[in-house]
Amino acid sequence: EALRSSAALPEAKRPEVIPGIEFSTEYLGSDIHIVGLDMQYQAPE
């Protein structure tokens, strides 16, 4: 949805949308967050 919305804007006003995600993980009993940027998010696996 974000990519479609950006593509619909005039080029001069079009922000680049970086595909991302934030994973919640556990390390020594603490909640640690890892952000992923610009990955192949559509891959089935």
All heavy atoms as atom14 arrays in JSON, in Angstrom:
{
  "sequence": "EALRSSAALPEAKRPEVIPGIEFSTEYLGSDIHIVGLDMQYQAPE",
  "atom14_mask": [
    [1, 1, 1, 1, 1, 1, 1, 1, 1, 0, 0, 0, 0, 0],
    [1, 1, 1, 1, 1, 0, 0, 0, 0, 0, 0, 0, 0, 0],
    [1, 1, 1, 1, 1, 1, 1, 1, 0, 0, 0, 0, 0, 0],
    [1, 1, 1, 1, 1, 1, 1, 1, 1, 1, 1, 0, 0, 0],
    [1, 1, 1, 1, 1, 1, 0, 0, 0, 0, 0, 0, 0, 0],
    [1, 1, 1, 1, 1, 1, 0, 0, 0, 0, 0, 0, 0, 0],
    [1, 1, 1, 1, 1, 0, 0, 0, 0, 0, 0, 0, 0, 0],
    [1, 1, 1, 1, 1, 0, 0, 0, 0, 0, 0, 0, 0, 0],
    [1, 1, 1, 1, 1, 1, 1, 1, 0, 0, 0, 0, 0, 0],
    [1, 1, 1, 1, 1, 1, 1, 0, 0, 0, 0, 0, 0, 0],
    [1, 1, 1, 1, 1, 1, 1, 1, 1, 0, 0, 0, 0, 0],
    [1, 1, 1, 1, 1, 0, 0, 0, 0, 0, 0, 0, 0, 0],
    [1, 1, 1, 1, 1, 1, 1, 1, 1, 0, 0, 0, 0, 0],
    [1, 1, 1, 1, 1, 1, 1, 1, 1, 1, 1, 0, 0, 0],
    [1, 1, 1, 1, 1, 1, 1, 0, 0, 0, 0, 0, 0, 0],
    [1, 1, 1, 1, 1, 1, 1, 1, 1, 0, 0, 0, 0, 0],
    [1, 1, 1, 1, 1, 1, 1, 0, 0, 0, 0, 0, 0, 0],
    [1, 1, 1, 1, 1, 1, 1, 1, 0, 0, 0, 0, 0, 0],
    [1, 1, 1, 1, 1, 1, 1, 0, 0, 0, 0, 0, 0, 0],
    [1, 1, 1, 1, 0, 0, 0, 0, 0, 0, 0, 0, 0, 0],
    [1, 1, 1, 1, 1, 1, 1, 1, 0, 0, 0, 0, 0, 0],
    [1, 1, 1, 1, 1, 1, 1, 1, 1, 0, 0, 0, 0, 0],
    [1, 1, 1, 1, 1, 1, 1, 1, 1, 1, 1, 0, 0, 0],
    [1, 1, 1, 1, 1, 1, 0, 0, 0, 0, 0, 0, 0, 0],
    [1, 1, 1, 1, 1, 1, 1, 0, 0, 0, 0, 0, 0, 0],
    [1, 1, 1, 1, 1, 1, 1, 1, 1, 0, 0, 0, 0, 0],
    [1, 1, 1, 1, 1, 1, 1, 1, 1, 1, 1, 1, 0, 0],
    [1, 1, 1, 1, 1, 1, 1, 1, 0, 0, 0, 0, 0, 0],
    [1, 1, 1, 1, 0, 0, 0, 0, 0, 0, 0, 0, 0, 0],
    [1, 1, 1, 1, 1, 1, 0, 0, 0, 0, 0, 0, 0, 0],
    [1, 1, 1, 1, 1, 1, 1, 1, 0, 0, 0, 0, 0, 0],
    [1, 1, 1, 1, 1, 1, 1, 1, 0, 0, 0, 0, 0, 0],
    [1, 1, 1, 1, 1, 1, 1, 1, 1, 1, 0, 0, 0, 0],
    [1, 1, 1, 1, 1, 1, 1, 1, 0, 0, 0, 0, 0, 0],
    [1, 1, 1, 1, 1, 1, 1, 0, 0, 0, 0, 0, 0, 0],
    [1, 1, 1, 1, 0, 0, 0, 0, 0, 0, 0, 0, 0, 0],
    [1, 1, 1, 1, 1, 1, 1, 1, 0, 0, 0, 0, 0, 0],
    [1, 1, 1, 1, 1, 1, 1, 1, 0, 0, 0, 0, 0, 0],
    [1, 1, 1, 1, 1, 1, 1, 1, 0, 0, 0, 0, 0, 0],
    [1, 1, 1, 1, 1, 1, 1, 1, 1, 0, 0, 0, 0, 0],
    [1, 1, 1, 1, 1, 1, 1, 1, 1, 1, 1, 1, 0, 0],
    [1, 1, 1, 1, 1, 1, 1, 1, 1, 0, 0, 0, 0, 0],
    [1, 1, 1, 1, 1, 0, 0, 0, 0, 0, 0, 0, 0, 0],
    [1, 1, 1, 1, 1, 1, 1, 0, 0, 0, 0, 0, 0, 0],
    [1, 1, 1, 1, 1, 1, 1, 1, 1, 0, 0, 0, 0, 0]
  ],
  "atom14_positions": [
    [[0.83, -1.21, 0.0], [0.0, 0.0, 0.0], [0.86, 1.26, 0.0], [0.58, 2.23, -0.72], [-0.92, 0.0, 1.22], [-1.78, 1.25, 1.33], [-2.6, 1.3, 2.61], [-2.97, 0.23, 3.13], [-2.88, 2.42, 3.1], [0.0, 0.0, 0.0], [0.0, 0.0, 0.0], [0.0, 0.0, 0.0], [0.0, 0.0, 0.0], [0.0, 0.0, 0.0]],
    [[1.92, 1.25, 0.8], [2.8, 2.42, 0.85], [3.49, 2.65, -0.49], [3.59, 3.8, -0.95], [3.84, 2.23, 1.96], [0.0, 0.0, 0.0], [0.0, 0.0, 0.0], [0.0, 0.0, 0.0], [0.0, 0.0, 0.0], [0.0, 0.0, 0.0], [0.0, 0.0, 0.0], [0.0, 0.0, 0.0], [0.0, 0.0, 0.0], [0.0, 0.0, 0.0]],
    [[3.92, 1.58, -1.13], [4.58, 1.71, -2.44], [3.61, 2.26, -3.49], [3.97, 3.12, -4.3], [5.15, 0.37, -2.88], [6.37, -0.13, -2.09], [6.66, -1.58, -2.45], [7.6, 0.74, -2.38], [0.0, 0.0, 0.0], [0.0, 0.0, 0.0], [0.0, 0.0, 0.0], [0.0, 0.0, 0.0], [0.0, 0.0, 0.0], [0.0, 0.0, 0.0]],
    [[2.39, 1.76, -3.47], [1.39, 2.26, -4.43], [1.09, 3.74, -4.19], [1.0, 4.52, -5.15], [0.09, 1.46, -4.31], [0.14, 0.05, -4.85], [-1.26, -0.53, -5.0], [-2.0, -0.53, -3.74], [-1.98, -1.53, -2.87], [-1.26, -2.61, -3.1], [-2.71, -1.46, -1.76], [0.0, 0.0, 0.0], [0.0, 0.0, 0.0], [0.0, 0.0, 0.0]],
    [[0.97, 4.11, -2.94], [0.65, 5.5, -2.61], [1.77, 6.43, -3.02], [1.53, 7.53, -3.53], [0.37, 5.63, -1.11], [-0.74, 4.85, -0.74], [0.0, 0.0, 0.0], [0.0, 0.0, 0.0], [0.0, 0.0, 0.0], [0.0, 0.0, 0.0], [0.0, 0.0, 0.0], [0.0, 0.0, 0.0], [0.0, 0.0, 0.0], [0.0, 0.0, 0.0]],
    [[3.0, 5.99, -2.8], [4.14, 6.82, -3.2], [4.21, 6.95, -4.72], [4.43, 8.05, -5.26], [5.43, 6.21, -2.66], [6.54, 7.0, -3.02], [0.0, 0.0, 0.0], [0.0, 0.0, 0.0], [0.0, 0.0, 0.0], [0.0, 0.0, 0.0], [0.0, 0.0, 0.0], [0.0, 0.0, 0.0], [0.0, 0.0, 0.0], [0.0, 0.0, 0.0]],
    [[4.0, 5.85, -5.42], [4.08, 5.88, -6.89], [3.02, 6.78, -7.51], [3.21, 7.31, -8.62], [3.94, 4.47, -7.44], [0.0, 0.0, 0.0], [0.0, 0.0, 0.0], [0.0, 0.0, 0.0], [0.0, 0.0, 0.0], [0.0, 0.0, 0.0], [0.0, 0.0, 0.0], [0.0, 0.0, 0.0], [0.0, 0.0, 0.0], [0.0, 0.0, 0.0]],
    [[1.91, 6.99, -6.81], [0.83, 7.83, -7.33], [1.11, 9.32, -7.2], [0.39, 10.14, -7.8], [-0.48, 7.49, -6.62], [0.0, 0.0, 0.0], [0.0, 0.0, 0.0], [0.0, 0.0, 0.0], [0.0, 0.0, 0.0], [0.0, 0.0, 0.0], [0.0, 0.0, 0.0], [0.0, 0.0, 0.0], [0.0, 0.0, 0.0], [0.0, 0.0, 0.0]],
    [[2.12, 9.69, -6.44], [2.43, 11.1, -6.23], [3.31, 11.63, -7.37], [4.04, 10.86, -8.01], [3.17, 11.28, -4.91], [2.38, 11.03, -3.63], [3.3, 11.12, -2.42], [1.24, 12.02, -3.49], [0.0, 0.0, 0.0], [0.0, 0.0, 0.0], [0.0, 0.0, 0.0], [0.0, 0.0, 0.0], [0.0, 0.0, 0.0], [0.0, 0.0, 0.0]],
    [[3.28, 12.94, -7.62], [4.23, 13.52, -8.57], [5.66, 13.21, -8.13], [5.96, 13.17, -6.94], [3.93, 15.02, -8.49], [2.55, 15.12, -7.94], [2.37, 13.95, -7.04], [0.0, 0.0, 0.0], [0.0, 0.0, 0.0], [0.0, 0.0, 0.0], [0.0, 0.0, 0.0], [0.0, 0.0, 0.0], [0.0, 0.0, 0.0], [0.0, 0.0, 0.0]],
    [[6.53, 13.0, -9.08], [7.89, 12.54, -8.77], [8.59, 13.47, -7.78], [9.31, 13.01, -6.89], [8.71, 12.43, -10.05], [10.09, 11.85, -9.83], [10.82, 11.58, -11.12], [10.24, 11.79, -12.2], [12.0, 11.16, -11.06], [0.0, 0.0, 0.0], [0.0, 0.0, 0.0], [0.0, 0.0, 0.0], [0.0, 0.0, 0.0], [0.0, 0.0, 0.0]],
    [[8.39, 14.76, -7.92], [9.07, 15.71, -7.04], [8.6, 15.62, -5.6], [9.3, 16.07, -4.69], [8.87, 17.13, -7.56], [0.0, 0.0, 0.0], [0.0, 0.0, 0.0], [0.0, 0.0, 0.0], [0.0, 0.0, 0.0], [0.0, 0.0, 0.0], [0.0, 0.0, 0.0], [0.0, 0.0, 0.0], [0.0, 0.0, 0.0], [0.0, 0.0, 0.0]],
    [[7.42, 15.04, -5.37], [6.88, 14.95, -4.01], [6.79, 13.51, -3.53], [6.11, 13.21, -2.56], [5.49, 15.58, -3.97], [5.48, 17.08, -4.26], [4.09, 17.67, -4.1], [4.1, 19.18, -4.33], [2.76, 19.77, -4.14], [0.0, 0.0, 0.0], [0.0, 0.0, 0.0], [0.0, 0.0, 0.0], [0.0, 0.0, 0.0], [0.0, 0.0, 0.0]],
    [[7.52, 12.61, -4.19], [7.39, 11.18, -3.94], [8.5, 10.68, -3.01], [9.65, 10.59, -3.41], [7.46, 10.44, -5.27], [7.22, 8.94, -5.19], [7.42, 8.31, -6.55], [6.55, 8.94, -7.55], [6.77, 8.9, -8.86], [7.87, 8.29, -9.32], [5.93, 9.48, -9.7], [0.0, 0.0, 0.0], [0.0, 0.0, 0.0], [0.0, 0.0, 0.0]],
    [[8.18, 10.35, -1.75], [9.22, 9.78, -0.88], [9.5, 8.33, -1.27], [8.6, 7.59, -1.66], [8.58, 9.85, 0.51], [7.11, 9.78, 0.26], [6.88, 10.48, -1.06], [0.0, 0.0, 0.0], [0.0, 0.0, 0.0], [0.0, 0.0, 0.0], [0.0, 0.0, 0.0], [0.0, 0.0, 0.0], [0.0, 0.0, 0.0], [0.0, 0.0, 0.0]],
    [[10.75, 7.94, -1.18], [11.12, 6.55, -1.4], [10.62, 5.73, -0.2], [10.87, 6.1, 0.95], [12.63, 6.42, -1.53], [13.11, 4.99, -1.73], [14.62, 4.87, -1.76], [15.31, 5.9, -1.56], [15.12, 3.75, -1.97], [0.0, 0.0, 0.0], [0.0, 0.0, 0.0], [0.0, 0.0, 0.0], [0.0, 0.0, 0.0], [0.0, 0.0, 0.0]],
    [[9.91, 4.67, -0.47], [9.45, 3.77, 0.58], [10.41, 2.58, 0.66], [10.57, 1.84, -0.3], [8.02, 3.28, 0.32], [7.61, 2.26, 1.38], [7.05, 4.45, 0.3], [0.0, 0.0, 0.0], [0.0, 0.0, 0.0], [0.0, 0.0, 0.0], [0.0, 0.0, 0.0], [0.0, 0.0, 0.0], [0.0, 0.0, 0.0], [0.0, 0.0, 0.0]],
    [[11.04, 2.43, 1.82], [11.98, 1.33, 2.04], [11.21, 0.19, 2.72], [10.7, 0.35, 3.82], [13.15, 1.77, 2.95], [13.81, 3.04, 2.42], [14.16, 0.64, 3.1], [14.39, 2.92, 1.04], [0.0, 0.0, 0.0], [0.0, 0.0, 0.0], [0.0, 0.0, 0.0], [0.0, 0.0, 0.0], [0.0, 0.0, 0.0], [0.0, 0.0, 0.0]],
    [[11.12, -0.97, 2.06], [10.47, -2.11, 2.73], [11.24, -2.48, 4.0], [12.46, -2.62, 3.98], [10.56, -3.23, 1.69], [10.74, -2.53, 0.37], [11.55, -1.31, 0.7], [0.0, 0.0, 0.0], [0.0, 0.0, 0.0], [0.0, 0.0, 0.0], [0.0, 0.0, 0.0], [0.0, 0.0, 0.0], [0.0, 0.0, 0.0], [0.0, 0.0, 0.0]],
    [[10.52, -2.64, 5.09], [11.18, -2.95, 6.35], [10.31, -3.78, 7.26], [9.15, -4.11, 6.95], [0.0, 0.0, 0.0], [0.0, 0.0, 0.0], [0.0, 0.0, 0.0], [0.0, 0.0, 0.0], [0.0, 0.0, 0.0], [0.0, 0.0, 0.0], [0.0, 0.0, 0.0], [0.0, 0.0, 0.0], [0.0, 0.0, 0.0], [0.0, 0.0, 0.0]],
    [[10.87, -4.13, 8.4], [10.18, -4.92, 9.42], [10.94, -4.73, 10.73], [12.13, -4.39, 10.71], [10.12, -6.41, 9.02], [9.09, -7.18, 9.85], [11.51, -7.05, 9.09], [8.75, -8.55, 9.27], [0.0, 0.0, 0.0], [0.0, 0.0, 0.0], [0.0, 0.0, 0.0], [0.0, 0.0, 0.0], [0.0, 0.0, 0.0], [0.0, 0.0, 0.0]],
    [[10.26, -4.93, 11.85], [10.92, -4.92, 13.15], [10.59, -6.23, 13.86], [9.43, -6.51, 14.16], [10.47, -3.73, 14.01], [11.23, -3.64, 15.33], [10.93, -2.38, 16.12], [9.93, -1.69, 15.8], [11.67, -2.09, 17.08], [0.0, 0.0, 0.0], [0.0, 0.0, 0.0], [0.0, 0.0, 0.0], [0.0, 0.0, 0.0], [0.0, 0.0, 0.0]],
    [[11.63, -7.02, 14.11], [11.46, -8.3, 14.78], [11.68, -8.14, 16.28], [12.66, -7.52, 16.71], [12.46, -9.33, 14.25], [12.18, -9.79, 12.85], [13.13, -9.61, 11.85], [10.99, -10.41, 12.52], [12.89, -10.05, 10.56], [10.74, -10.85, 11.23], [11.7, -10.67, 10.24], [0.0, 0.0, 0.0], [0.0, 0.0, 0.0], [0.0, 0.0, 0.0]],
    [[10.8, -8.74, 17.06], [10.99, -8.82, 18.51], [11.69, -10.14, 18.82], [11.19, -11.2, 18.46], [9.65, -8.76, 19.24], [9.01, -7.52, 19.01], [0.0, 0.0, 0.0], [0.0, 0.0, 0.0], [0.0, 0.0, 0.0], [0.0, 0.0, 0.0], [0.0, 0.0, 0.0], [0.0, 0.0, 0.0], [0.0, 0.0, 0.0], [0.0, 0.0, 0.0]],
    [[12.82, -10.08, 19.49], [13.61, -11.27, 19.78], [13.94, -11.32, 21.26], [13.72, -10.34, 21.99], [14.91, -11.29, 18.96], [15.84, -10.32, 19.5], [14.66, -10.97, 17.49], [0.0, 0.0, 0.0], [0.0, 0.0, 0.0], [0.0, 0.0, 0.0], [0.0, 0.0, 0.0], [0.0, 0.0, 0.0], [0.0, 0.0, 0.0], [0.0, 0.0, 0.0]],
    [[14.5, -12.43, 21.7], [14.84, -12.58, 23.12], [16.32, -12.89, 23.28], [16.87, -13.77, 22.6], [14.02, -13.7, 23.76], [14.25, -13.81, 25.27], [13.32, -14.78, 25.94], [12.49, -15.41, 25.24], [13.41, -14.92, 27.17], [0.0, 0.0, 0.0], [0.0, 0.0, 0.0], [0.0, 0.0, 0.0], [0.0, 0.0, 0.0], [0.0, 0.0, 0.0]],
    [[16.95, -12.17, 24.2], [18.38, -12.34, 24.48], [18.59, -12.2, 25.98], [18.3, -11.14, 26.55], [19.17, -11.28, 23.71], [20.64, -11.19, 24.06], [21.56, -12.12, 23.58], [21.11, -10.15, 24.86], [22.9, -12.02, 23.89], [22.45, -10.04, 25.18], [23.35, -10.98, 24.69], [24.68, -10.88, 25.0], [0.0, 0.0, 0.0], [0.0, 0.0, 0.0]],
    [[19.01, -13.27, 26.6], [19.27, -13.27, 28.05], [18.08, -12.73, 28.84], [18.23, -11.98, 29.8], [20.53, -12.46, 28.37], [21.83, -12.95, 27.72], [22.99, -12.05, 28.11], [22.13, -14.4, 28.1], [0.0, 0.0, 0.0], [0.0, 0.0, 0.0], [0.0, 0.0, 0.0], [0.0, 0.0, 0.0], [0.0, 0.0, 0.0], [0.0, 0.0, 0.0]],
    [[16.88, -13.11, 28.4], [15.67, -12.7, 29.1], [15.16, -11.32, 28.75], [14.13, -10.9, 29.28], [0.0, 0.0, 0.0], [0.0, 0.0, 0.0], [0.0, 0.0, 0.0], [0.0, 0.0, 0.0], [0.0, 0.0, 0.0], [0.0, 0.0, 0.0], [0.0, 0.0, 0.0], [0.0, 0.0, 0.0], [0.0, 0.0, 0.0], [0.0, 0.0, 0.0]],
    [[15.85, -10.61, 27.85], [15.43, -9.26, 27.47], [14.83, -9.25, 26.07], [15.18, -10.08, 25.22], [16.63, -8.31, 27.49], [17.15, -8.16, 28.79], [0.0, 0.0, 0.0], [0.0, 0.0, 0.0], [0.0, 0.0, 0.0], [0.0, 0.0, 0.0], [0.0, 0.0, 0.0], [0.0, 0.0, 0.0], [0.0, 0.0, 0.0], [0.0, 0.0, 0.0]],
    [[13.95, -8.31, 25.85], [13.31, -8.11, 24.54], [14.22, -7.22, 23.7], [14.4, -6.04, 24.01], [11.94, -7.47, 24.76], [11.12, -7.39, 23.49], [11.36, -8.19, 22.57], [10.23, -6.53, 23.42], [0.0, 0.0, 0.0], [0.0, 0.0, 0.0], [0.0, 0.0, 0.0], [0.0, 0.0, 0.0], [0.0, 0.0, 0.0], [0.0, 0.0, 0.0]],
    [[14.78, -7.78, 22.63], [15.7, -7.06, 21.75], [15.06, -6.92, 20.38], [14.55, -7.91, 19.83], [17.05, -7.79, 21.62], [17.69, -8.0, 22.98], [17.98, -7.04, 20.67], [18.09, -6.74, 23.7], [0.0, 0.0, 0.0], [0.0, 0.0, 0.0], [0.0, 0.0, 0.0], [0.0, 0.0, 0.0], [0.0, 0.0, 0.0], [0.0, 0.0, 0.0]],
    [[15.07, -5.73, 19.81], [14.42, -5.49, 18.53], [15.46, -5.34, 17.42], [16.41, -4.56, 17.55], [13.55, -4.25, 18.59], [12.32, -4.43, 19.42], [11.28, -3.52, 19.45], [11.94, -5.45, 20.24], [10.34, -3.96, 20.26], [10.73, -5.13, 20.75], [0.0, 0.0, 0.0], [0.0, 0.0, 0.0], [0.0, 0.0, 0.0], [0.0, 0.0, 0.0]],
    [[15.22, -6.08, 16.35], [16.08, -6.01, 15.17], [15.24, -5.48, 14.01], [14.21, -6.06, 13.65], [16.64, -7.4, 14.8], [17.41, -8.01, 15.97], [17.52, -7.3, 13.54], [18.68, -7.27, 16.36], [0.0, 0.0, 0.0], [0.0, 0.0, 0.0], [0.0, 0.0, 0.0], [0.0, 0.0, 0.0], [0.0, 0.0, 0.0], [0.0, 0.0, 0.0]],
    [[15.68, -4.38, 13.42], [15.03, -3.81, 12.25], [15.69, -4.37, 11.0], [16.92, -4.43, 10.9], [15.12, -2.27, 12.27], [14.8, -1.67, 10.9], [14.17, -1.7, 13.32], [0.0, 0.0, 0.0], [0.0, 0.0, 0.0], [0.0, 0.0, 0.0], [0.0, 0.0, 0.0], [0.0, 0.0, 0.0], [0.0, 0.0, 0.0], [0.0, 0.0, 0.0]],
    [[14.86, -4.78, 10.05], [15.35, -5.2, 8.74], [14.94, -4.19, 7.69], [13.78, -3.75, 7.66], [0.0, 0.0, 0.0], [0.0, 0.0, 0.0], [0.0, 0.0, 0.0], [0.0, 0.0, 0.0], [0.0, 0.0, 0.0], [0.0, 0.0, 0.0], [0.0, 0.0, 0.0], [0.0, 0.0, 0.0], [0.0, 0.0, 0.0], [0.0, 0.0, 0.0]],
    [[15.87, -3.8, 6.84], [15.61, -2.81, 5.8], [15.89, -3.37, 4.42], [16.89, -4.09, 4.22], [16.5, -1.57, 6.01], [16.37, -0.82, 7.33], [17.42, 0.27, 7.42], [14.97, -0.24, 7.5], [0.0, 0.0, 0.0], [0.0, 0.0, 0.0], [0.0, 0.0, 0.0], [0.0, 0.0, 0.0], [0.0, 0.0, 0.0], [0.0, 0.0, 0.0]],
    [[15.04, -3.05, 3.48], [15.27, -3.29, 2.05], [15.53, -4.76, 1.73], [16.35, -5.08, 0.87], [16.43, -2.42, 1.57], [16.37, -2.15, 0.07], [15.25, -2.07, -0.46], [17.44, -2.03, -0.55], [0.0, 0.0, 0.0], [0.0, 0.0, 0.0], [0.0, 0.0, 0.0], [0.0, 0.0, 0.0], [0.0, 0.0, 0.0], [0.0, 0.0, 0.0]],
    [[14.82, -5.67, 2.42], [15.0, -7.08, 2.16], [14.01, -7.54, 1.08], [13.11, -6.81, 0.69], [14.82, -7.91, 3.44], [13.44, -7.85, 4.05], [13.18, -6.36, 5.03], [11.38, -6.37, 5.17], [0.0, 0.0, 0.0], [0.0, 0.0, 0.0], [0.0, 0.0, 0.0], [0.0, 0.0, 0.0], [0.0, 0.0, 0.0], [0.0, 0.0, 0.0]],
    [[14.2, -8.75, 0.61], [13.3, -9.33, -0.39], [12.06, -9.86, 0.35], [11.88, -11.06, 0.53], [14.02, -10.44, -1.16], [15.2, -9.94, -1.98], [16.01, -11.07, -2.57], [15.66, -12.25, -2.49], [17.14, -10.73, -3.17], [0.0, 0.0, 0.0], [0.0, 0.0, 0.0], [0.0, 0.0, 0.0], [0.0, 0.0, 0.0], [0.0, 0.0, 0.0]],
    [[11.23, -8.94, 0.76], [10.15, -9.27, 1.68], [9.06, -10.12, 1.04], [8.29, -10.78, 1.73], [9.53, -7.99, 2.26], [8.71, -7.19, 1.28], [7.33, -7.33, 1.23], [9.31, -6.32, 0.38], [6.57, -6.6, 0.34], [8.57, -5.6, -0.52], [7.21, -5.74, -0.54], [6.46, -5.02, -1.44], [0.0, 0.0, 0.0], [0.0, 0.0, 0.0]],
    [[8.98, -10.15, -0.28], [7.95, -10.93, -0.96], [8.33, -12.39, -1.15], [7.49, -13.18, -1.58], [7.62, -10.3, -2.31], [6.95, -8.92, -2.2], [6.73, -8.29, -3.55], [7.66, -8.17, -4.36], [5.5, -7.88, -3.82], [0.0, 0.0, 0.0], [0.0, 0.0, 0.0], [0.0, 0.0, 0.0], [0.0, 0.0, 0.0], [0.0, 0.0, 0.0]],
    [[9.56, -12.74, -0.83], [10.0, -14.12, -1.01], [9.12, -15.06, -0.17], [8.88, -14.79, 1.01], [11.46, -14.27, -0.61], [0.0, 0.0, 0.0], [0.0, 0.0, 0.0], [0.0, 0.0, 0.0], [0.0, 0.0, 0.0], [0.0, 0.0, 0.0], [0.0, 0.0, 0.0], [0.0, 0.0, 0.0], [0.0, 0.0, 0.0], [0.0, 0.0, 0.0]],
    [[8.63, -16.15, -0.75], [7.73, -17.05, -0.02], [8.31, -17.56, 1.3], [7.59, -17.64, 2.31], [7.49, -18.19, -1.01], [7.66, -17.55, -2.35], [8.77, -16.55, -2.16], [0.0, 0.0, 0.0], [0.0, 0.0, 0.0], [0.0, 0.0, 0.0], [0.0, 0.0, 0.0], [0.0, 0.0, 0.0], [0.0, 0.0, 0.0], [0.0, 0.0, 0.0]],
    [[9.59, -17.9, 1.32], [10.18, -18.42, 2.54], [10.22, -17.34, 3.62], [9.98, -17.62, 4.8], [11.58, -18.96, 2.29], [12.21, -19.63, 3.5], [13.64, -20.07, 3.28], [14.09, -20.09, 2.12], [14.33, -20.37, 4.28], [0.0, 0.0, 0.0], [0.0, 0.0, 0.0], [0.0, 0.0, 0.0], [0.0, 0.0, 0.0], [0.0, 0.0, 0.0]]
  ]
}
